[in-house]
Amino acid sequence: MLSTLLQLLFQVLVVGLIVLSFGLVIGVPVVCASPQAWDQSKNYVWLISGAWAVLVVLVAGFSFLVV
């Protein structure tokens, strides 16, 4: 039961990491293309980048538990 729950949580984390990565790959160049957009959105970019880094660490940690 616990291993199934850990596998499900691991899969959710990996999908979240993939979706967030695609969002950053598309969003950051768009935000950086305009100086006004960067000034308005840089806090969001830093927040999402931090969330991405946390997800990378979580996926790495869960990979040791699941695999």
PDB file of N, CA and C in Angstrom:
ATOM      1  N   MET A   1       0.819  -1.198   0.000  1.00  0.00           N
ATOM      2  CA  MET A   1       0.000   0.000   0.000  1.00  0.00           C
ATOM      3  C   MET A   1       0.864   1.264   0.000  1.00  0.00           C
ATOM      4  N   LEU A   2       1.861   1.271   0.876  1.00  0.00           N
ATOM      5  CA  LEU A   2       2.722   2.446   0.964  1.00  0.00           C
ATOM      6  C   LEU A   2       3.560   2.621  -0.296  1.00  0.00           C
ATOM      7  N   SER A   3       4.046   1.515  -0.854  1.00  0.00           N
ATOM      8  CA  SER A   3       4.858   1.629  -2.066  1.00  0.00           C
ATOM      9  C   SER A   3       4.023   2.132  -3.239  1.00  0.00           C
ATOM     10  N   THR A   4       2.749   1.732  -3.302  1.00  0.00           N
ATOM     11  CA  THR A   4       1.870   2.214  -4.363  1.00  0.00           C
ATOM     12  C   THR A   4       1.634   3.716  -4.213  1.00  0.00           C
ATOM     13  N   LEU A   5       1.454   4.163  -2.981  1.00  0.00           N
ATOM     14  CA  LEU A   5       1.259   5.596  -2.732  1.00  0.00           C
ATOM     15  C   LEU A   5       2.514   6.388  -3.089  1.00  0.00           C
ATOM     16  N   LEU A   6       3.673   5.846  -2.735  1.00  0.00           N
ATOM     17  CA  LEU A   6       4.929   6.523  -3.077  1.00  0.00           C
ATOM     18  C   LEU A   6       5.140   6.571  -4.582  1.00  0.00           C
ATOM     19  N   GLN A   7       4.797   5.502  -5.281  1.00  0.00           N
ATOM     20  CA  GLN A   7       4.929   5.493  -6.735  1.00  0.00           C
ATOM     21  C   GLN A   7       4.001   6.524  -7.370  1.00  0.00           C
ATOM     22  N   LEU A   8       2.789   6.615  -6.866  1.00  0.00           N
ATOM     23  CA  LEU A   8       1.836   7.593  -7.395  1.00  0.00           C
ATOM     24  C   LEU A   8       2.323   9.014  -7.143  1.00  0.00           C
ATOM     25  N   LEU A   9       2.804   9.274  -5.941  1.00  0.00           N
ATOM     26  CA  LEU A   9       3.327  10.603  -5.627  1.00  0.00           C
ATOM     27  C   LEU A   9       4.548  10.933  -6.477  1.00  0.00           C
ATOM     28  N   PHE A  10       5.398   9.939  -6.705  1.00  0.00           N
ATOM     29  CA  PHE A  10       6.573  10.135  -7.555  1.00  0.00           C
ATOM     30  C   PHE A  10       6.153  10.490  -8.982  1.00  0.00           C
ATOM     31  N   GLN A  11       5.157   9.792  -9.507  1.00  0.00           N
ATOM     32  CA  GLN A  11       4.676  10.070 -10.857  1.00  0.00           C
ATOM     33  C   GLN A  11       4.070  11.468 -10.951  1.00  0.00           C
ATOM     34  N   VAL A  12       3.336  11.880  -9.928  1.00  0.00           N
ATOM     35  CA  VAL A  12       2.757  13.229  -9.920  1.00  0.00           C
ATOM     36  C   VAL A  12       3.866  14.275  -9.895  1.00  0.00           C
ATOM     37  N   LEU A  13       4.898  14.045  -9.095  1.00  0.00           N
ATOM     38  CA  LEU A  13       6.024  14.985  -9.031  1.00  0.00           C
ATOM     39  C   LEU A  13       6.750  15.073 -10.369  1.00  0.00           C
ATOM     40  N   VAL A  14       6.944  13.941 -11.026  1.00  0.00           N
ATOM     41  CA  VAL A  14       7.637  13.947 -12.322  1.00  0.00           C
ATOM     42  C   VAL A  14       6.802  14.682 -13.365  1.00  0.00           C
ATOM     43  N   VAL A  15       5.503  14.432 -13.402  1.00  0.00           N
ATOM     44  CA  VAL A  15       4.639  15.138 -14.356  1.00  0.00           C
ATOM     45  C   VAL A  15       4.641  16.636 -14.062  1.00  0.00           C
ATOM     46  N   GLY A  16       4.590  17.007 -12.792  1.00  0.00           N
ATOM     47  CA  GLY A  16       4.664  18.420 -12.431  1.00  0.00           C
ATOM     48  C   GLY A  16       5.971  19.059 -12.864  1.00  0.00           C
ATOM     49  N   LEU A  17       7.063  18.331 -12.701  1.00  0.00           N
ATOM     50  CA  LEU A  17       8.365  18.836 -13.133  1.00  0.00           C
ATOM     51  C   LEU A  17       8.413  19.022 -14.637  1.00  0.00           C
ATOM     52  N   ILE A  18       7.858  18.087 -15.380  1.00  0.00           N
ATOM     53  CA  ILE A  18       7.845  18.191 -16.844  1.00  0.00           C
ATOM     54  C   ILE A  18       7.001  19.374 -17.291  1.00  0.00           C
ATOM     55  N   VAL A  19       5.822  19.523 -16.715  1.00  0.00           N
ATOM     56  CA  VAL A  19       4.933  20.638 -17.091  1.00  0.00           C
ATOM     57  C   VAL A  19       5.577  21.974 -16.742  1.00  0.00           C
ATOM     58  N   LEU A  20       6.158  22.073 -15.552  1.00  0.00           N
ATOM     59  CA  LEU A  20       6.808  23.316 -15.144  1.00  0.00           C
ATOM     60  C   LEU A  20       8.020  23.619 -16.015  1.00  0.00           C
ATOM     61  N   SER A  21       8.752  22.588 -16.417  1.00  0.00           N
ATOM     62  CA  SER A  21       9.906  22.791 -17.299  1.00  0.00           C
ATOM     63  C   SER A  21       9.476  23.338 -18.656  1.00  0.00           C
ATOM     64  N   PHE A  22       8.415  22.753 -19.226  1.00  0.00           N
ATOM     65  CA  PHE A  22       7.910  23.289 -20.493  1.00  0.00           C
ATOM     66  C   PHE A  22       7.441  24.732 -20.335  1.00  0.00           C
ATOM     67  N   GLY A  23       6.780  25.023 -19.232  1.00  0.00           N
ATOM     68  CA  GLY A  23       6.334  26.390 -18.983  1.00  0.00           C
ATOM     69  C   GLY A  23       7.497  27.365 -18.900  1.00  0.00           C
ATOM     70  N   LEU A  24       8.568  26.959 -18.249  1.00  0.00           N
ATOM     71  CA  LEU A  24       9.737  27.831 -18.154  1.00  0.00           C
ATOM     72  C   LEU A  24      10.447  27.977 -19.492  1.00  0.00           C
ATOM     73  N   VAL A  25      10.539  26.891 -20.254  1.00  0.00           N
ATOM     74  CA  VAL A  25      11.202  26.956 -21.558  1.00  0.00           C
ATOM     75  C   VAL A  25      10.463  27.910 -22.485  1.00  0.00           C
ATOM     76  N   ILE A  26       9.159  27.936 -22.398  1.00  0.00           N
ATOM     77  CA  ILE A  26       8.369  28.823 -23.253  1.00  0.00           C
ATOM     78  C   ILE A  26       8.240  30.215 -22.646  1.00  0.00           C
ATOM     79  N   GLY A  27       8.021  30.291 -21.346  1.00  0.00           N
ATOM     80  CA  GLY A  27       7.702  31.557 -20.708  1.00  0.00           C
ATOM     81  C   GLY A  27       8.865  32.501 -20.495  1.00  0.00           C
ATOM     82  N   VAL A  28      10.015  31.975 -20.116  1.00  0.00           N
ATOM     83  CA  VAL A  28      11.146  32.853 -19.797  1.00  0.00           C
ATOM     84  C   VAL A  28      11.632  33.644 -21.010  1.00  0.00           C
ATOM     85  N   PRO A  29      11.816  33.038 -22.185  1.00  0.00           N
ATOM     86  CA  PRO A  29      12.201  33.859 -23.334  1.00  0.00           C
ATOM     87  C   PRO A  29      11.162  34.906 -23.720  1.00  0.00           C
ATOM     88  N   VAL A  30       9.891  34.571 -23.549  1.00  0.00           N
ATOM     89  CA  VAL A  30       8.838  35.544 -23.853  1.00  0.00           C
ATOM     90  C   VAL A  30       8.915  36.714 -22.896  1.00  0.00           C
ATOM     91  N   VAL A  31       9.125  36.429 -21.621  1.00  0.00           N
ATOM     92  CA  VAL A  31       9.220  37.500 -20.622  1.00  0.00           C
ATOM     93  C   VAL A  31      10.480  38.326 -20.847  1.00  0.00           C
ATOM     94  N   CYS A  32      11.568  37.689 -21.208  1.00  0.00           N
ATOM     95  CA  CYS A  32      12.833  38.407 -21.406  1.00  0.00           C
ATOM     96  C   CYS A  32      12.878  39.189 -22.718  1.00  0.00           C
ATOM     97  N   ALA A  33      11.965  38.929 -23.627  1.00  0.00           N
ATOM     98  CA  ALA A  33      11.981  39.614 -24.919  1.00  0.00           C
ATOM     99  C   ALA A  33      11.590  41.076 -24.793  1.00  0.00           C
ATOM    100  N   SER A  34      10.851  41.425 -23.785  1.00  0.00           N
ATOM    101  CA  SER A  34      10.402  42.802 -23.611  1.00  0.00           C
ATOM    102  C   SER A  34      10.883  43.326 -22.262  1.00  0.00           C
ATOM    103  N   PRO A  35      11.539  44.501 -22.262  1.00  0.00           N
ATOM    104  CA  PRO A  35      12.023  45.048 -20.982  1.00  0.00           C
ATOM    105  C   PRO A  35      10.884  45.346 -19.999  1.00  0.00           C
ATOM    106  N   GLN A  36       9.737  45.794 -20.490  1.00  0.00           N
ATOM    107  CA  GLN A  36       8.631  46.088 -19.595  1.00  0.00           C
ATOM    108  C   GLN A  36       8.085  44.809 -18.972  1.00  0.00           C
ATOM    109  N   ALA A  37       8.013  43.746 -19.746  1.00  0.00           N
ATOM    110  CA  ALA A  37       7.509  42.478 -19.229  1.00  0.00           C
ATOM    111  C   ALA A  37       8.457  41.924 -18.169  1.00  0.00           C
ATOM    112  N   TRP A  38       9.760  42.111 -18.353  1.00  0.00           N
ATOM    113  CA  TRP A  38      10.712  41.609 -17.366  1.00  0.00           C
ATOM    114  C   TRP A  38      10.549  42.344 -16.045  1.00  0.00           C
ATOM    115  N   ASP A  39      10.410  43.654 -16.101  1.00  0.00           N
ATOM    116  CA  ASP A  39      10.248  44.420 -14.867  1.00  0.00           C
ATOM    117  C   ASP A  39       8.991  44.011 -14.113  1.00  0.00           C
ATOM    118  N   GLN A  40       7.932  43.703 -14.830  1.00  0.00           N
ATOM    119  CA  GLN A  40       6.672  43.338 -14.189  1.00  0.00           C
ATOM    120  C   GLN A  40       6.647  41.887 -13.742  1.00  0.00           C
ATOM    121  N   SER A  41       7.392  41.015 -14.400  1.00  0.00           N
ATOM    122  CA  SER A  41       7.251  39.577 -14.167  1.00  0.00           C
ATOM    123  C   SER A  41       8.464  38.895 -13.554  1.00  0.00           C
ATOM    124  N   LYS A  42       9.513  39.632 -13.230  1.00  0.00           N
ATOM    125  CA  LYS A  42      10.727  38.956 -12.762  1.00  0.00           C
ATOM    126  C   LYS A  42      10.512  38.235 -11.437  1.00  0.00           C
ATOM    127  N   ASN A  43       9.643  38.746 -10.564  1.00  0.00           N
ATOM    128  CA  ASN A  43       9.383  38.043  -9.308  1.00  0.00           C
ATOM    129  C   ASN A  43       8.701  36.698  -9.558  1.00  0.00           C
ATOM    130  N   TYR A  44       7.783  36.659 -10.530  1.00  0.00           N
ATOM    131  CA  TYR A  44       7.127  35.399 -10.877  1.00  0.00           C
ATOM    132  C   TYR A  44       8.119  34.415 -11.475  1.00  0.00           C
ATOM    133  N   VAL A  45       9.022  34.907 -12.302  1.00  0.00           N
ATOM    134  CA  VAL A  45      10.028  34.030 -12.910  1.00  0.00           C
ATOM    135  C   VAL A  45      10.923  33.431 -11.828  1.00  0.00           C
ATOM    136  N   TRP A  46      11.337  34.239 -10.871  1.00  0.00           N
ATOM    137  CA  TRP A  46      12.181  33.727  -9.789  1.00  0.00           C
ATOM    138  C   TRP A  46      11.412  32.738  -8.906  1.00  0.00           C
ATOM    139  N   LEU A  47      10.148  33.015  -8.650  1.00  0.00           N
ATOM    140  CA  LEU A  47       9.330  32.118  -7.846  1.00  0.00           C
ATOM    141  C   LEU A  47       9.140  30.771  -8.538  1.00  0.00           C
ATOM    142  N   ILE A  48       8.831  30.792  -9.827  1.00  0.00           N
ATOM    143  CA  ILE A  48       8.630  29.550 -10.574  1.00  0.00           C
ATOM    144  C   ILE A  48       9.954  28.807 -10.722  1.00  0.00           C
ATOM    145  N   SER A  49      11.051  29.531 -10.893  1.00  0.00           N
ATOM    146  CA  SER A  49      12.361  28.874 -10.975  1.00  0.00           C
ATOM    147  C   SER A  49      12.715  28.200  -9.650  1.00  0.00           C
ATOM    148  N   GLY A  50      12.382  28.836  -8.549  1.00  0.00           N
ATOM    149  CA  GLY A  50      12.603  28.222  -7.237  1.00  0.00           C
ATOM    150  C   GLY A  50      11.748  26.985  -7.046  1.00  0.00           C
ATOM    151  N   ALA A  51      10.493  27.054  -7.495  1.00  0.00           N
ATOM    152  CA  ALA A  51       9.614  25.882  -7.420  1.00  0.00           C
ATOM    153  C   ALA A  51      10.167  24.748  -8.270  1.00  0.00           C
ATOM    154  N   TRP A  52      10.732  25.073  -9.425  1.00  0.00           N
ATOM    155  CA  TRP A  52      11.340  24.058 -10.287  1.00  0.00           C
ATOM    156  C   TRP A  52      12.517  23.394  -9.569  1.00  0.00           C
ATOM    157  N   ALA A  53      13.347  24.181  -8.915  1.00  0.00           N
ATOM    158  CA  ALA A  53      14.504  23.629  -8.202  1.00  0.00           C
ATOM    159  C   ALA A  53      14.050  22.718  -7.055  1.00  0.00           C
ATOM    160  N   VAL A  54      13.004  23.118  -6.347  1.00  0.00           N
ATOM    161  CA  VAL A  54      12.472  22.286  -5.271  1.00  0.00           C
ATOM    162  C   VAL A  54      11.932  20.974  -5.836  1.00  0.00           C
ATOM    163  N   LEU A  55      11.243  21.037  -6.971  1.00  0.00           N
ATOM    164  CA  LEU A  55      10.726  19.817  -7.594  1.00  0.00           C
ATOM    165  C   LEU A  55      11.855  18.887  -8.026  1.00  0.00           C
ATOM    166  N   VAL A  56      12.942  19.438  -8.522  1.00  0.00           N
ATOM    167  CA  VAL A  56      14.089  18.610  -8.918  1.00  0.00           C
ATOM    168  C   VAL A  56      14.630  17.854  -7.703  1.00  0.00           C
ATOM    169  N   VAL A  57      14.755  18.541  -6.591  1.00  0.00           N
ATOM    170  CA  VAL A  57      15.263  17.897  -5.371  1.00  0.00           C
ATOM    171  C   VAL A  57      14.276  16.847  -4.871  1.00  0.00           C
ATOM    172  N   LEU A  58      12.980  17.150  -4.907  1.00  0.00           N
ATOM    173  CA  LEU A  58      11.970  16.189  -4.471  1.00  0.00           C
ATOM    174  C   LEU A  58      11.946  14.945  -5.355  1.00  0.00           C
ATOM    175  N   VAL A  59      12.028  15.135  -6.657  1.00  0.00           N
ATOM    176  CA  VAL A  59      12.040  13.989  -7.571  1.00  0.00           C
ATOM    177  C   VAL A  59      13.293  13.146  -7.323  1.00  0.00           C
ATOM    178  N   ALA A  60      14.412  13.787  -7.090  1.00  0.00           N
ATOM    179  CA  ALA A  60      15.640  13.031  -6.797  1.00  0.00           C
ATOM    180  C   ALA A  60      15.494  12.250  -5.496  1.00  0.00           C
ATOM    181  N   GLY A  61      14.920  12.861  -4.489  1.00  0.00           N
ATOM    182  CA  GLY A  61      14.725  12.172  -3.210  1.00  0.00           C
ATOM    183  C   GLY A  61      13.748  11.017  -3.322  1.00  0.00           C
ATOM    184  N   PHE A  62      12.646  11.227  -4.022  1.00  0.00           N
ATOM    185  CA  PHE A  62      11.656  10.169  -4.180  1.00  0.00           C
ATOM    186  C   PHE A  62      12.159   9.045  -5.066  1.00  0.00           C
ATOM    187  N   SER A  63      13.088   9.343  -5.960  1.00  0.00           N
ATOM    188  CA  SER A  63      13.611   8.274  -6.807  1.00  0.00           C
ATOM    189  C   SER A  63      14.353   7.227  -5.986  1.00  0.00           C
ATOM    190  N   PHE A  64      14.960   7.648  -4.870  1.00  0.00           N
ATOM    191  CA  PHE A  64      15.624   6.683  -4.010  1.00  0.00           C
ATOM    192  C   PHE A  64      14.620   5.815  -3.254  1.00  0.00           C
ATOM    193  N   LEU A  65      13.439   6.379  -2.948  1.00  0.00           N
ATOM    194  CA  LEU A  65      12.427   5.629  -2.218  1.00  0.00           C
ATOM    195  C   LEU A  65      11.653   4.673  -3.106  1.00  0.00           C
ATOM    196  N   VAL A  66      11.444   5.061  -4.359  1.00  0.00           N
ATOM    197  CA  VAL A  66      10.578   4.298  -5.245  1.00  0.00           C
ATOM    198  C   VAL A  66      11.341   3.234  -6.003  1.00  0.00           C
ATOM    199  N   VAL A  67      12.485   3.590  -6.533  1.00  0.00           N
ATOM    200  CA  VAL A  67      13.215   2.667  -7.408  1.00  0.00           C
ATOM    201  C   VAL A  67      13.969   1.636  -6.642  1.00  0.00           C
TER     202      VAL A  67
END
